Amino acid sequence: SIRLVYHEAVVSTQSTGDAEEGGQERGSMDIWVDTGCLGKIIGRGGAKIRETERKYRVKIDVKKDEVEGGETKVVLIGAKDDVLETRDFIYQVIDEPDTI
């Protein structure tokens, strides 16, 4: 199960340019992921998480010290659209059946 908490405004929201020039506000989103699914997000040696950060231009911070009810907090940081795409990708990865 995934519990979603969205933070529109973080401690500092920065604009990356004029709206007319395609600038986006940066922010963060907290998602709570079943701790047993973290391996699917992180990958062997962190390969999957690094690949995801590069592909979607975000920072993914797994807060292994913030666990509630078997779920771990994962913070996505970046431009709003990139964060939303990353969130959707993570949901997709978590929903994939385990391969043996």
C-alpha atoms as a PDB file:
ATOM      1  CA  SER A   1       0.000   0.000   0.000  1.00  0.00           C
ATOM      2  CA  ILE A   2       1.150   3.535  -0.699  1.00  0.00           C
ATOM      3  CA  ARG A   3       0.111   6.543   1.337  1.00  0.00           C
ATOM      4  CA  LEU A   4       0.667   9.845  -0.420  1.00  0.00           C
ATOM      5  CA  VAL A   5       1.345  13.221   1.127  1.00  0.00           C
ATOM      6  CA  TYR A   6       1.986  16.083  -1.279  1.00  0.00           C
ATOM      7  CA  HIS A   7       3.895  19.179  -0.263  1.00  0.00           C
ATOM      8  CA  GLU A   8       3.273  22.034  -2.681  1.00  0.00           C
ATOM      9  CA  ALA A   9       5.510  24.443  -0.834  1.00  0.00           C
ATOM     10  CA  VAL A  10       8.676  23.210   0.779  1.00  0.00           C
ATOM     11  CA  VAL A  11      10.969  25.212   3.034  1.00  0.00           C
ATOM     12  CA  SER A  12      12.231  26.997  -0.068  1.00  0.00           C
ATOM     13  CA  THR A  13      10.384  26.904  -3.357  1.00  0.00           C
ATOM     14  CA  GLN A  14      12.533  28.198  -6.171  1.00  0.00           C
ATOM     15  CA  SER A  15      11.483  29.307  -9.610  1.00  0.00           C
ATOM     16  CA  THR A  16      13.697  28.070 -12.435  1.00  0.00           C
ATOM     17  CA  GLY A  17      12.776  30.927 -14.778  1.00  0.00           C
ATOM     18  CA  ASP A  18       9.900  32.949 -16.154  1.00  0.00           C
ATOM     19  CA  ALA A  19       6.671  31.046 -16.694  1.00  0.00           C
ATOM     20  CA  GLU A  20       6.692  32.190 -20.333  1.00  0.00           C
ATOM     21  CA  GLU A  21      10.077  30.530 -20.780  1.00  0.00           C
ATOM     22  CA  GLY A  22       8.886  27.227 -19.345  1.00  0.00           C
ATOM     23  CA  GLY A  23      10.266  27.785 -15.853  1.00  0.00           C
ATOM     24  CA  GLN A  24       8.904  25.518 -13.150  1.00  0.00           C
ATOM     25  CA  GLU A  25       8.702  25.728  -9.415  1.00  0.00           C
ATOM     26  CA  ARG A  26      10.728  23.167  -7.529  1.00  0.00           C
ATOM     27  CA  GLY A  27       9.267  21.349  -4.600  1.00  0.00           C
ATOM     28  CA  SER A  28       9.057  17.977  -2.946  1.00  0.00           C
ATOM     29  CA  MET A  29       6.610  15.147  -2.500  1.00  0.00           C
ATOM     30  CA  ASP A  30       6.640  12.595   0.294  1.00  0.00           C
ATOM     31  CA  ILE A  31       5.408   9.120  -0.536  1.00  0.00           C
ATOM     32  CA  TRP A  32       5.189   6.252   1.932  1.00  0.00           C
ATOM     33  CA  VAL A  33       6.225   2.938   0.431  1.00  0.00           C
ATOM     34  CA  ASP A  34       5.889  -0.567   1.861  1.00  0.00           C
ATOM     35  CA  THR A  35       9.331  -1.201   3.341  1.00  0.00           C
ATOM     36  CA  GLY A  36       9.422  -4.605   1.650  1.00  0.00           C
ATOM     37  CA  CYS A  37       9.216  -2.872  -1.754  1.00  0.00           C
ATOM     38  CA  LEU A  38      12.200  -0.547  -1.262  1.00  0.00           C
ATOM     39  CA  GLY A  39      14.527  -2.942  -3.066  1.00  0.00           C
ATOM     40  CA  LYS A  40      12.474  -2.516  -6.244  1.00  0.00           C
ATOM     41  CA  ILE A  41      13.025   1.248  -6.083  1.00  0.00           C
ATOM     42  CA  ILE A  42      16.685   1.206  -5.016  1.00  0.00           C
ATOM     43  CA  GLY A  43      17.952  -1.699  -7.120  1.00  0.00           C
ATOM     44  CA  ARG A  44      21.163  -3.639  -6.749  1.00  0.00           C
ATOM     45  CA  GLY A  45      23.841  -1.359  -5.345  1.00  0.00           C
ATOM     46  CA  GLY A  46      21.533   1.653  -5.828  1.00  0.00           C
ATOM     47  CA  ALA A  47      21.580   1.290  -9.631  1.00  0.00           C
ATOM     48  CA  LYS A  48      17.799   1.650 -10.118  1.00  0.00           C
ATOM     49  CA  ILE A  49      17.473   4.745  -7.931  1.00  0.00           C
ATOM     50  CA  ARG A  50      20.406   6.480  -9.682  1.00  0.00           C
ATOM     51  CA  GLU A  51      18.968   5.624 -13.107  1.00  0.00           C
ATOM     52  CA  THR A  52      15.551   6.963 -12.057  1.00  0.00           C
ATOM     53  CA  GLU A  53      17.076  10.201 -10.727  1.00  0.00           C
ATOM     54  CA  ARG A  54      18.902  10.766 -14.031  1.00  0.00           C
ATOM     55  CA  LYS A  55      15.925   9.852 -16.224  1.00  0.00           C
ATOM     56  CA  TYR A  56      13.421  12.083 -14.396  1.00  0.00           C
ATOM     57  CA  ARG A  57      15.822  14.838 -13.238  1.00  0.00           C
ATOM     58  CA  VAL A  58      14.872  14.498  -9.557  1.00  0.00           C
ATOM     59  CA  LYS A  59      16.525  13.685  -6.243  1.00  0.00           C
ATOM     60  CA  ILE A  60      15.104  10.621  -4.477  1.00  0.00           C
ATOM     61  CA  ASP A  61      15.784  10.464  -0.746  1.00  0.00           C
ATOM     62  CA  VAL A  62      14.823   7.215   1.015  1.00  0.00           C
ATOM     63  CA  LYS A  63      14.378   8.063   4.704  1.00  0.00           C
ATOM     64  CA  LYS A  64      15.216   4.660   6.212  1.00  0.00           C
ATOM     65  CA  ASP A  65      14.956   6.182   9.696  1.00  0.00           C
ATOM     66  CA  GLU A  66      11.354   7.314   9.089  1.00  0.00           C
ATOM     67  CA  VAL A  67       9.217   4.177   9.172  1.00  0.00           C
ATOM     68  CA  GLU A  68       5.546   4.022  10.209  1.00  0.00           C
ATOM     69  CA  GLY A  69       3.366   0.922  10.111  1.00  0.00           C
ATOM     70  CA  GLY A  70       5.702  -1.006   7.819  1.00  0.00           C
ATOM     71  CA  GLU A  71       6.038   1.904   5.385  1.00  0.00           C
ATOM     72  CA  THR A  72       9.146   3.994   4.737  1.00  0.00           C
ATOM     73  CA  LYS A  73       9.139   7.666   3.757  1.00  0.00           C
ATOM     74  CA  VAL A  74      10.585   8.447   0.315  1.00  0.00           C
ATOM     75  CA  VAL A  75      11.054  12.115  -0.635  1.00  0.00           C
ATOM     76  CA  LEU A  76      11.038  13.171  -4.300  1.00  0.00           C
ATOM     77  CA  ILE A  77      12.633  16.581  -4.967  1.00  0.00           C
ATOM     78  CA  GLY A  78      12.598  18.494  -8.249  1.00  0.00           C
ATOM     79  CA  ALA A  79      10.396  20.377 -10.675  1.00  0.00           C
ATOM     80  CA  LYS A  80       6.715  19.612 -10.066  1.00  0.00           C
ATOM     81  CA  ASP A  81       6.121  17.800 -13.376  1.00  0.00           C
ATOM     82  CA  ASP A  82       9.290  15.726 -12.944  1.00  0.00           C
ATOM     83  CA  VAL A  83       8.281  14.804  -9.389  1.00  0.00           C
ATOM     84  CA  LEU A  84       4.822  13.706 -10.553  1.00  0.00           C
ATOM     85  CA  GLU A  85       6.317  11.593 -13.361  1.00  0.00           C
ATOM     86  CA  THR A  86       8.736  10.003 -10.902  1.00  0.00           C
ATOM     87  CA  ARG A  87       5.917   9.217  -8.494  1.00  0.00           C
ATOM     88  CA  ASP A  88       3.947   7.511 -11.270  1.00  0.00           C
ATOM     89  CA  PHE A  89       7.029   5.534 -12.309  1.00  0.00           C
ATOM     90  CA  ILE A  90       7.637   4.375  -8.723  1.00  0.00           C
ATOM     91  CA  TYR A  91       4.008   3.220  -8.447  1.00  0.00           C
ATOM     92  CA  GLN A  92       4.502   1.261 -11.670  1.00  0.00           C
ATOM     93  CA  VAL A  93       7.707  -0.364 -10.381  1.00  0.00           C
ATOM     94  CA  ILE A  94       6.063  -1.328  -7.085  1.00  0.00           C
ATOM     95  CA  ASP A  95       3.069  -2.865  -8.884  1.00  0.00           C
ATOM     96  CA  GLU A  96       5.274  -5.042 -11.116  1.00  0.00           C
ATOM     97  CA  PRO A  97       5.132  -8.700 -10.116  1.00  0.00           C
ATOM     98  CA  ASP A  98       8.283 -10.058  -8.489  1.00  0.00           C
ATOM     99  CA  THR A  99      10.528 -12.045 -10.798  1.00  0.00           C
ATOM    100  CA  ILE A 100      12.306 -15.111  -9.548  1.00  0.00           C
END
